[in-house]
Amino acid sequence: MTGIGGEAGARAARSRALAVLRVRGRALGVALLPAAAEVILLTGGATGQFAGPGWDLARWIVGGFALVVLLAAAGVALVVARARPAETPTVPVPERAAPDLYRLVRDLAERLDVPAPSAIALTPDCDSWLEDRTHPAHGPPPRETAATPTVPGLAPGDAPGGAATAPVLVIGSPFLWWMRVAELRAVLAPVVAGTGPSAQPDIAAARRFVRGLDAAVAVSATSGRCPLTRGVCGALGWVARVLLRACREHAVLMERGVAAAAAERAQSVDYGPRIVAQEQVGLAYAGWDRLLTRVALPAWRMGRWPSRLDAGVVAALTELSRRDRLAADGFTSRLGERPACDLLEEPGVADEAVSLLAARLFHGAPTGPGPQWS
């Protein structure tokens, strides 16, 4: 059950989503105006009210202009609908590689009374979010190559793709290795709660429209085209940017309303442990940032590719916490609890895939296998 704050957030998000859709409707109306004027002129000519050479010339001019506008609008709509939205590079985790993790997330979604995420993926970042990958342009997942990091057990078609009906849950790998199972569940509760508003049709349609506009701007900015194509793409980019500016404020407020509704709903699940777990979020962030800048980056520059970055964060934070005289008395008992990475069938292989992805994102590792260093 959601409280008054959650209901207000959901209502605000839906009203802003409708505002985004109204921007789309107004754009369609503007594109149809010349055609409507041509219909009026043709009707007047047929009834004899708009007769004469001047009216004939007006019908030809307005008709040609309406045809050009309709073709341009159809082209923009086609690009917005089919352009591939940006997708965060992640390591997909199939259910067979982490049945316990999927069970935890589904149990959490059931307690929150929201749809469960369609899939789970890992990212080399200290953050977790929901990512919609239901756009038709995503299509079936690309064929895996030897250079694509993945978790064993992923068969073709198992990766998050266009067939999914719910967002993909992206989990920061440092959280999965450093946190205990109860802490991870508490931290993921507000994130998983976001699948509820995501299933609302108006919010989903508004998000698809905004992502399509963003993808259209990216398509128009692609270089290496002939002058004529550059002109067409420039016009496409201008239209997409105008529409983005028109709905930007509404989209931002819509996402704030979704976040407020999700946070309010999540208060009924593990609220107390979540407050305690926030301290571990800060520790994981600090440890991950320090490891990347002090250890991983120098290693990448030397041509070495550390394959156990997440395990390194855990080892470093554990050692520092044990040395800290101000560490809480319950630290030892916390380490005795089950770590969240045990929810994976093969944590070491997943850590290696995430470490390789981190090297590619933050340094630009070669596509082929190279010397490893743990």
Protein backbone atom coordinates (compact mmCIF):
# COMPACT_ATOMS: atom_id res chain seq x y z
CA MET A 1 0.00 0.00 0.00
CA THR A 2 1.24 3.46 -0.84
CA GLY A 3 0.73 6.49 1.35
CA ILE A 4 -0.49 9.95 0.51
CA GLY A 5 2.98 10.97 -0.65
CA GLY A 6 3.24 7.99 -2.99
CA GLU A 7 -0.20 8.63 -4.47
CA ALA A 8 0.66 12.29 -4.98
CA GLY A 9 3.92 11.34 -6.68
CA ALA A 10 2.14 8.88 -8.97
CA ARG A 11 -0.51 11.44 -9.89
CA ALA A 12 2.14 14.09 -10.56
CA ALA A 13 4.13 11.67 -12.72
CA ARG A 14 1.06 10.75 -14.77
CA SER A 15 0.04 14.38 -15.25
CA ARG A 16 3.54 15.22 -16.50
CA ALA A 17 3.49 12.18 -18.77
CA LEU A 18 0.24 13.45 -20.27
CA ALA A 19 1.92 16.84 -20.77
CA VAL A 20 4.73 15.13 -22.72
CA LEU A 21 2.16 13.33 -24.85
CA ARG A 22 0.37 16.64 -25.47
CA VAL A 23 3.62 18.01 -26.90
CA ARG A 24 3.64 15.06 -29.28
CA GLY A 25 -0.01 15.72 -30.17
CA ARG A 26 0.63 19.41 -30.83
CA ALA A 27 3.55 18.54 -33.11
CA LEU A 28 1.28 16.20 -35.06
CA GLY A 29 -1.37 18.92 -35.27
CA VAL A 30 1.14 21.43 -36.66
CA ALA A 31 2.22 18.89 -39.29
CA LEU A 32 -1.41 18.38 -40.36
CA LEU A 33 -2.28 22.09 -40.63
CA PRO A 34 -1.18 22.54 -44.29
CA ALA A 35 -3.09 19.39 -45.26
CA ALA A 36 -6.18 20.72 -43.50
CA ALA A 37 -5.85 24.02 -45.36
CA GLU A 38 -5.58 22.12 -48.65
CA VAL A 39 -8.74 20.17 -47.84
CA ILE A 40 -10.58 23.44 -47.21
CA LEU A 41 -9.37 24.88 -50.53
CA LEU A 42 -10.34 21.74 -52.44
CA THR A 43 -13.75 21.68 -50.81
CA GLY A 44 -14.29 25.34 -51.64
CA GLY A 45 -13.29 24.73 -55.24
CA ALA A 46 -15.66 21.80 -55.56
CA THR A 47 -18.57 23.84 -54.21
CA GLY A 48 -17.72 26.86 -56.35
CA GLN A 49 -16.98 29.17 -53.44
CA PHE A 50 -13.21 29.38 -54.14
CA ALA A 51 -13.26 29.65 -57.93
CA GLY A 52 -10.87 31.53 -60.17
CA PRO A 53 -7.21 31.43 -61.30
CA GLY A 54 -5.95 32.82 -58.00
CA TRP A 55 -7.62 30.08 -56.00
CA ASP A 56 -6.28 27.43 -58.38
CA LEU A 57 -2.75 28.71 -57.84
CA ALA A 58 -3.30 28.76 -54.08
CA ARG A 59 -4.48 25.15 -54.18
CA TRP A 60 -1.35 24.07 -56.05
CA ILE A 61 0.98 25.95 -53.70
CA VAL A 62 -0.72 24.82 -50.49
CA GLY A 63 -1.03 21.26 -51.80
CA GLY A 64 2.66 21.06 -52.63
CA PHE A 65 3.63 22.55 -49.28
CA ALA A 66 1.29 20.15 -47.44
CA LEU A 67 2.82 17.19 -49.27
CA VAL A 68 6.35 18.27 -48.33
CA VAL A 69 5.36 18.81 -44.68
CA LEU A 70 3.60 15.43 -44.48
CA LEU A 71 6.60 13.64 -45.98
CA ALA A 72 8.95 15.42 -43.58
CA ALA A 73 6.70 14.62 -40.61
CA ALA A 74 6.49 10.98 -41.67
CA GLY A 75 10.28 10.83 -41.94
CA VAL A 76 10.77 12.36 -38.50
CA ALA A 77 8.16 10.04 -36.98
CA LEU A 78 9.82 7.02 -38.59
CA VAL A 79 13.26 7.96 -37.27
CA VAL A 80 11.90 8.68 -33.78
CA ALA A 81 10.07 5.35 -33.73
CA ARG A 82 12.92 3.22 -35.09
CA ALA A 83 16.09 4.95 -33.86
CA ARG A 84 17.94 2.82 -31.34
CA PRO A 85 17.93 4.48 -27.90
CA ALA A 86 21.14 4.60 -25.91
CA GLU A 87 21.73 1.48 -23.86
CA THR A 88 24.06 1.30 -20.88
CA PRO A 89 26.87 -1.25 -21.38
CA THR A 90 26.24 -3.99 -18.83
CA VAL A 91 27.01 -7.63 -18.15
CA PRO A 92 23.77 -9.62 -18.49
CA VAL A 93 23.07 -12.13 -15.73
CA PRO A 94 20.72 -14.93 -16.86
CA GLU A 95 18.52 -16.62 -14.33
CA ARG A 96 20.41 -19.90 -14.54
CA ALA A 97 23.57 -18.07 -13.45
CA ALA A 98 21.92 -16.43 -10.41
CA PRO A 99 18.70 -18.20 -9.37
CA ASP A 100 18.95 -16.97 -5.78
CA LEU A 101 19.36 -13.36 -6.91
CA TYR A 102 16.33 -13.61 -9.18
CA ARG A 103 14.37 -15.20 -6.35
CA LEU A 104 15.32 -12.34 -4.02
CA VAL A 105 14.26 -9.70 -6.55
CA ARG A 106 10.96 -11.43 -7.32
CA ASP A 107 10.19 -11.83 -3.64
CA LEU A 108 10.94 -8.13 -3.17
CA ALA A 109 8.64 -7.21 -6.07
CA GLU A 110 5.88 -9.38 -4.61
CA ARG A 111 6.20 -7.67 -1.23
CA LEU A 112 6.07 -4.29 -2.92
CA ASP A 113 3.12 -5.38 -5.09
CA VAL A 114 4.83 -4.32 -8.33
CA PRO A 115 5.86 -6.22 -11.48
CA ALA A 116 9.20 -8.00 -11.21
CA PRO A 117 12.04 -6.79 -13.47
CA SER A 118 12.36 -8.78 -16.67
CA ALA A 119 16.08 -9.42 -16.24
CA ILE A 120 19.14 -8.49 -14.18
CA ALA A 121 22.44 -7.03 -15.35
CA LEU A 122 25.62 -5.85 -13.65
CA THR A 123 27.46 -2.59 -14.19
CA PRO A 124 30.90 -1.46 -12.94
CA ASP A 125 29.42 1.48 -11.07
CA CYS A 126 28.15 2.26 -7.57
CA ASP A 127 24.54 2.73 -8.57
CA SER A 128 21.44 0.71 -9.37
CA TRP A 129 18.56 1.60 -11.64
CA LEU A 130 15.85 0.30 -13.95
CA GLU A 131 16.51 0.44 -17.68
CA ASP A 132 13.76 0.02 -20.25
CA ARG A 133 14.95 -2.13 -23.14
CA THR A 134 11.56 -2.79 -24.72
CA HIS A 135 12.10 -0.42 -27.66
CA PRO A 136 11.59 -2.29 -30.97
CA ALA A 137 14.96 -1.02 -32.20
CA HIS A 138 16.73 -3.11 -29.60
CA GLY A 139 15.47 -6.24 -31.34
CA PRO A 140 17.00 -9.58 -30.48
CA PRO A 141 20.25 -9.45 -28.56
CA PRO A 142 23.39 -9.44 -30.69
CA ARG A 143 25.34 -12.64 -31.05
CA GLU A 144 27.94 -12.94 -28.34
CA THR A 145 31.58 -12.87 -29.37
CA ALA A 146 34.74 -13.83 -27.56
CA ALA A 147 35.29 -10.16 -26.73
CA THR A 148 31.86 -9.60 -25.19
CA PRO A 149 31.85 -9.92 -21.39
CA THR A 150 29.04 -12.11 -20.15
CA VAL A 151 28.19 -14.45 -17.33
CA PRO A 152 28.25 -18.18 -18.14
CA GLY A 153 24.89 -19.75 -18.78
CA LEU A 154 23.66 -17.03 -21.12
CA ALA A 155 22.19 -18.59 -24.21
CA PRO A 156 21.04 -16.69 -27.31
CA GLY A 157 17.78 -14.97 -26.48
CA ASP A 158 18.38 -14.90 -22.73
CA ALA A 159 19.88 -11.43 -22.66
CA PRO A 160 17.62 -8.48 -22.08
CA GLY A 161 16.08 -7.55 -25.40
CA GLY A 162 13.05 -6.31 -27.20
CA ALA A 163 10.85 -9.15 -26.00
CA ALA A 164 10.98 -8.00 -22.42
CA THR A 165 7.86 -6.37 -21.02
CA ALA A 166 9.34 -4.96 -17.81
CA PRO A 167 12.49 -2.91 -17.21
CA VAL A 168 15.86 -4.53 -16.64
CA LEU A 169 17.30 -4.19 -13.13
CA VAL A 170 20.89 -2.93 -13.38
CA ILE A 171 22.88 -3.50 -10.18
CA GLY A 172 26.23 -1.94 -9.38
CA SER A 173 28.73 -4.76 -8.97
CA PRO A 174 30.50 -3.17 -5.93
CA PHE A 175 27.18 -3.34 -4.08
CA LEU A 176 26.79 -7.02 -4.89
CA TRP A 177 30.26 -7.89 -3.58
CA TRP A 178 30.51 -5.61 -0.53
CA MET A 179 26.98 -5.74 0.85
CA ARG A 180 25.31 -8.54 2.75
CA VAL A 181 22.13 -10.11 1.35
CA ALA A 182 19.83 -8.19 3.72
CA GLU A 183 21.59 -4.91 2.93
CA LEU A 184 21.30 -5.47 -0.81
CA ARG A 185 17.61 -6.27 -0.51
CA ALA A 186 17.03 -3.08 1.47
CA VAL A 187 18.96 -0.93 -1.02
CA LEU A 188 17.19 -2.45 -4.05
CA ALA A 189 13.68 -1.96 -2.63
CA PRO A 190 13.20 1.64 -3.91
CA VAL A 191 14.66 0.66 -7.28
CA VAL A 192 12.42 -2.37 -7.77
CA ALA A 193 9.43 -0.32 -6.62
CA GLY A 194 9.93 1.80 -9.73
CA THR A 195 8.56 -0.98 -11.94
CA GLY A 196 5.08 -0.06 -10.73
CA PRO A 197 4.97 3.44 -12.29
CA SER A 198 6.89 2.11 -15.32
CA ALA A 199 3.94 -0.16 -16.12
CA GLN A 200 1.56 2.82 -16.28
CA PRO A 201 0.68 3.20 -20.01
CA ASP A 202 0.92 7.01 -20.15
CA ILE A 203 4.28 7.09 -18.37
CA ALA A 204 5.62 4.29 -20.58
CA ALA A 205 4.47 6.08 -23.75
CA ALA A 206 5.99 9.38 -22.62
CA ARG A 207 9.30 7.70 -21.84
CA ARG A 208 9.36 6.00 -25.25
CA PHE A 209 8.72 9.33 -26.96
CA VAL A 210 11.50 11.12 -25.07
CA ARG A 211 13.97 8.29 -25.69
CA GLY A 212 13.04 8.27 -29.36
CA LEU A 213 13.70 12.00 -29.65
CA ASP A 214 17.04 11.60 -27.91
CA ALA A 215 17.97 8.77 -30.28
CA ALA A 216 16.90 10.87 -33.28
CA VAL A 217 19.23 13.68 -32.17
CA ALA A 218 22.06 11.14 -31.95
CA VAL A 219 21.26 9.84 -35.44
CA SER A 220 21.30 13.36 -36.88
CA ALA A 221 24.71 14.02 -35.32
CA THR A 222 26.38 11.04 -37.02
CA SER A 223 29.26 12.26 -39.21
CA GLY A 224 30.56 11.00 -42.54
CA ARG A 225 27.52 11.75 -44.72
CA CYS A 226 27.17 13.51 -48.07
CA PRO A 227 26.09 17.19 -48.09
CA LEU A 228 22.48 16.37 -49.04
CA THR A 229 22.17 13.79 -46.28
CA ARG A 230 23.77 16.19 -43.82
CA GLY A 231 21.10 18.77 -44.67
CA VAL A 232 18.28 16.28 -44.12
CA CYS A 233 19.84 15.10 -40.86
CA GLY A 234 20.32 18.70 -39.76
CA ALA A 235 16.61 19.39 -40.23
CA LEU A 236 15.75 16.18 -38.41
CA GLY A 237 18.02 17.11 -35.52
CA TRP A 238 16.53 20.60 -35.31
CA VAL A 239 12.96 19.25 -35.09
CA ALA A 240 13.96 16.64 -32.49
CA ARG A 241 15.78 19.23 -30.36
CA VAL A 242 12.81 21.60 -30.49
CA LEU A 243 10.50 18.83 -29.29
CA LEU A 244 12.97 17.81 -26.59
CA ARG A 245 13.15 21.36 -25.27
CA ALA A 246 9.36 21.55 -25.26
CA CYS A 247 8.95 18.43 -23.12
CA ARG A 248 12.18 18.55 -21.10
CA GLU A 249 10.70 20.11 -17.96
CA HIS A 250 7.70 17.79 -18.04
CA ALA A 251 9.95 14.74 -18.45
CA VAL A 252 12.15 15.77 -15.52
CA LEU A 253 9.18 16.33 -13.24
CA MET A 254 7.65 13.06 -14.40
CA GLU A 255 10.77 11.15 -13.36
CA ARG A 256 10.80 12.96 -10.01
CA GLY A 257 7.21 11.91 -9.44
CA VAL A 258 8.06 8.31 -10.32
CA ALA A 259 10.99 8.36 -7.89
CA ALA A 260 8.83 9.85 -5.13
CA ALA A 261 6.14 7.22 -5.64
CA ALA A 262 8.71 4.41 -5.63
CA ALA A 263 10.41 5.71 -2.48
CA GLU A 264 7.09 6.00 -0.68
CA ARG A 265 6.08 2.47 -1.66
CA ALA A 266 9.45 1.07 -0.58
CA GLN A 267 9.10 2.47 2.94
CA SER A 268 6.95 -0.51 3.85
CA VAL A 269 9.79 -2.95 3.08
CA ASP A 270 13.10 -3.06 5.01
CA TYR A 271 12.98 0.65 5.83
CA GLY A 272 15.09 0.31 8.98
CA PRO A 273 17.81 -1.87 7.41
CA ARG A 274 17.92 0.53 4.45
CA ILE A 275 18.97 3.41 6.68
CA VAL A 276 21.78 1.29 8.09
CA ALA A 277 22.76 0.04 4.62
CA GLN A 278 23.28 3.59 3.34
CA GLU A 279 26.56 3.67 5.27
CA GLN A 280 27.72 0.66 3.27
CA VAL A 281 26.72 2.43 0.06
CA GLY A 282 29.10 5.26 0.91
CA LEU A 283 31.89 2.83 1.79
CA ALA A 284 31.44 0.91 -1.46
CA TYR A 285 31.50 4.12 -3.48
CA ALA A 286 34.66 5.39 -1.78
CA GLY A 287 36.41 2.04 -2.09
CA TRP A 288 35.48 1.59 -5.74
CA ASP A 289 36.61 5.08 -6.69
CA ARG A 290 39.91 4.65 -4.87
CA LEU A 291 40.52 1.24 -6.43
CA LEU A 292 39.90 2.52 -9.95
CA THR A 293 42.14 5.58 -9.60
CA ARG A 294 44.95 4.08 -7.50
CA VAL A 295 45.12 0.48 -8.76
CA ALA A 296 43.10 -0.26 -11.89
CA LEU A 297 43.99 2.81 -13.96
CA PRO A 298 47.78 2.43 -13.54
CA ALA A 299 47.43 -1.28 -14.36
CA TRP A 300 45.44 -0.54 -17.51
CA ARG A 301 48.06 1.97 -18.63
CA MET A 302 50.70 -0.75 -18.27
CA GLY A 303 48.68 -3.09 -20.46
CA ARG A 304 47.41 -5.23 -17.58
CA TRP A 305 43.75 -5.99 -17.10
CA PRO A 306 42.81 -6.77 -13.47
CA SER A 307 40.16 -9.48 -13.43
CA ARG A 308 39.02 -9.28 -9.79
CA LEU A 309 38.20 -5.63 -9.19
CA ASP A 310 35.11 -6.29 -7.07
CA ALA A 311 36.95 -8.80 -4.91
CA GLY A 312 39.72 -6.23 -4.57
CA VAL A 313 37.26 -3.65 -3.24
CA VAL A 314 36.01 -6.12 -0.65
CA ALA A 315 39.54 -7.03 0.44
CA ALA A 316 40.61 -3.38 0.71
CA LEU A 317 37.53 -2.25 2.63
CA THR A 318 37.70 -5.23 4.96
CA GLU A 319 41.35 -4.57 5.77
CA LEU A 320 40.77 -0.84 6.31
CA SER A 321 37.75 -1.48 8.52
CA ARG A 322 39.68 -3.94 10.67
CA ARG A 323 42.49 -1.45 11.12
CA ASP A 324 40.11 1.36 12.02
CA ARG A 325 39.89 1.63 15.78
CA LEU A 326 36.56 3.40 15.43
CA ALA A 327 34.97 0.44 13.64
CA ALA A 328 31.72 -0.65 15.14
CA ASP A 329 31.67 -3.67 17.42
CA GLY A 330 29.24 -5.39 15.07
CA PHE A 331 31.63 -5.26 12.12
CA THR A 332 32.95 -8.78 12.71
CA SER A 333 29.45 -10.20 12.98
CA ARG A 334 28.49 -8.38 9.75
CA LEU A 335 31.34 -10.07 7.90
CA GLY A 336 29.98 -13.38 9.13
CA GLU A 337 26.69 -12.81 7.31
CA ARG A 338 26.16 -14.10 3.79
CA PRO A 339 27.60 -11.73 1.17
CA ALA A 340 25.31 -10.76 -1.68
CA CYS A 341 27.76 -12.07 -4.28
CA ASP A 342 26.94 -15.58 -3.04
CA LEU A 343 23.62 -15.15 -4.84
CA LEU A 344 25.60 -15.74 -8.05
CA GLU A 345 26.47 -19.27 -9.08
CA GLU A 346 30.00 -18.25 -10.18
CA PRO A 347 30.97 -14.92 -8.58
CA GLY A 348 34.55 -15.11 -9.84
CA VAL A 349 33.53 -15.37 -13.49
CA ALA A 350 31.02 -12.56 -13.10
CA ASP A 351 33.71 -10.42 -11.44
CA GLU A 352 36.02 -11.06 -14.39
CA ALA A 353 33.35 -10.01 -16.90
CA VAL A 354 32.56 -6.83 -14.96
CA SER A 355 36.27 -6.01 -14.59
CA LEU A 356 36.78 -6.33 -18.34
CA LEU A 357 33.78 -4.08 -18.98
CA ALA A 358 35.19 -1.52 -16.53
CA ALA A 359 38.47 -1.51 -18.44
CA ARG A 360 36.64 -0.88 -21.71
CA LEU A 361 34.47 1.89 -20.30
CA PHE A 362 37.06 3.77 -18.27
CA HIS A 363 40.21 3.14 -20.31
CA GLY A 364 39.43 1.50 -23.64
CA ALA A 365 40.76 -2.02 -23.37
CA PRO A 366 41.51 -3.93 -26.59
CA THR A 367 38.81 -6.20 -27.98
CA GLY A 368 41.03 -9.26 -27.91
CA PRO A 369 42.20 -11.11 -24.82
CA GLY A 370 45.34 -9.74 -23.23
CA PRO A 371 47.53 -10.35 -20.21
CA GLN A 372 45.58 -10.49 -16.98
CA TRP A 373 46.59 -9.38 -13.54
CA SER A 374 44.75 -10.01 -10.28
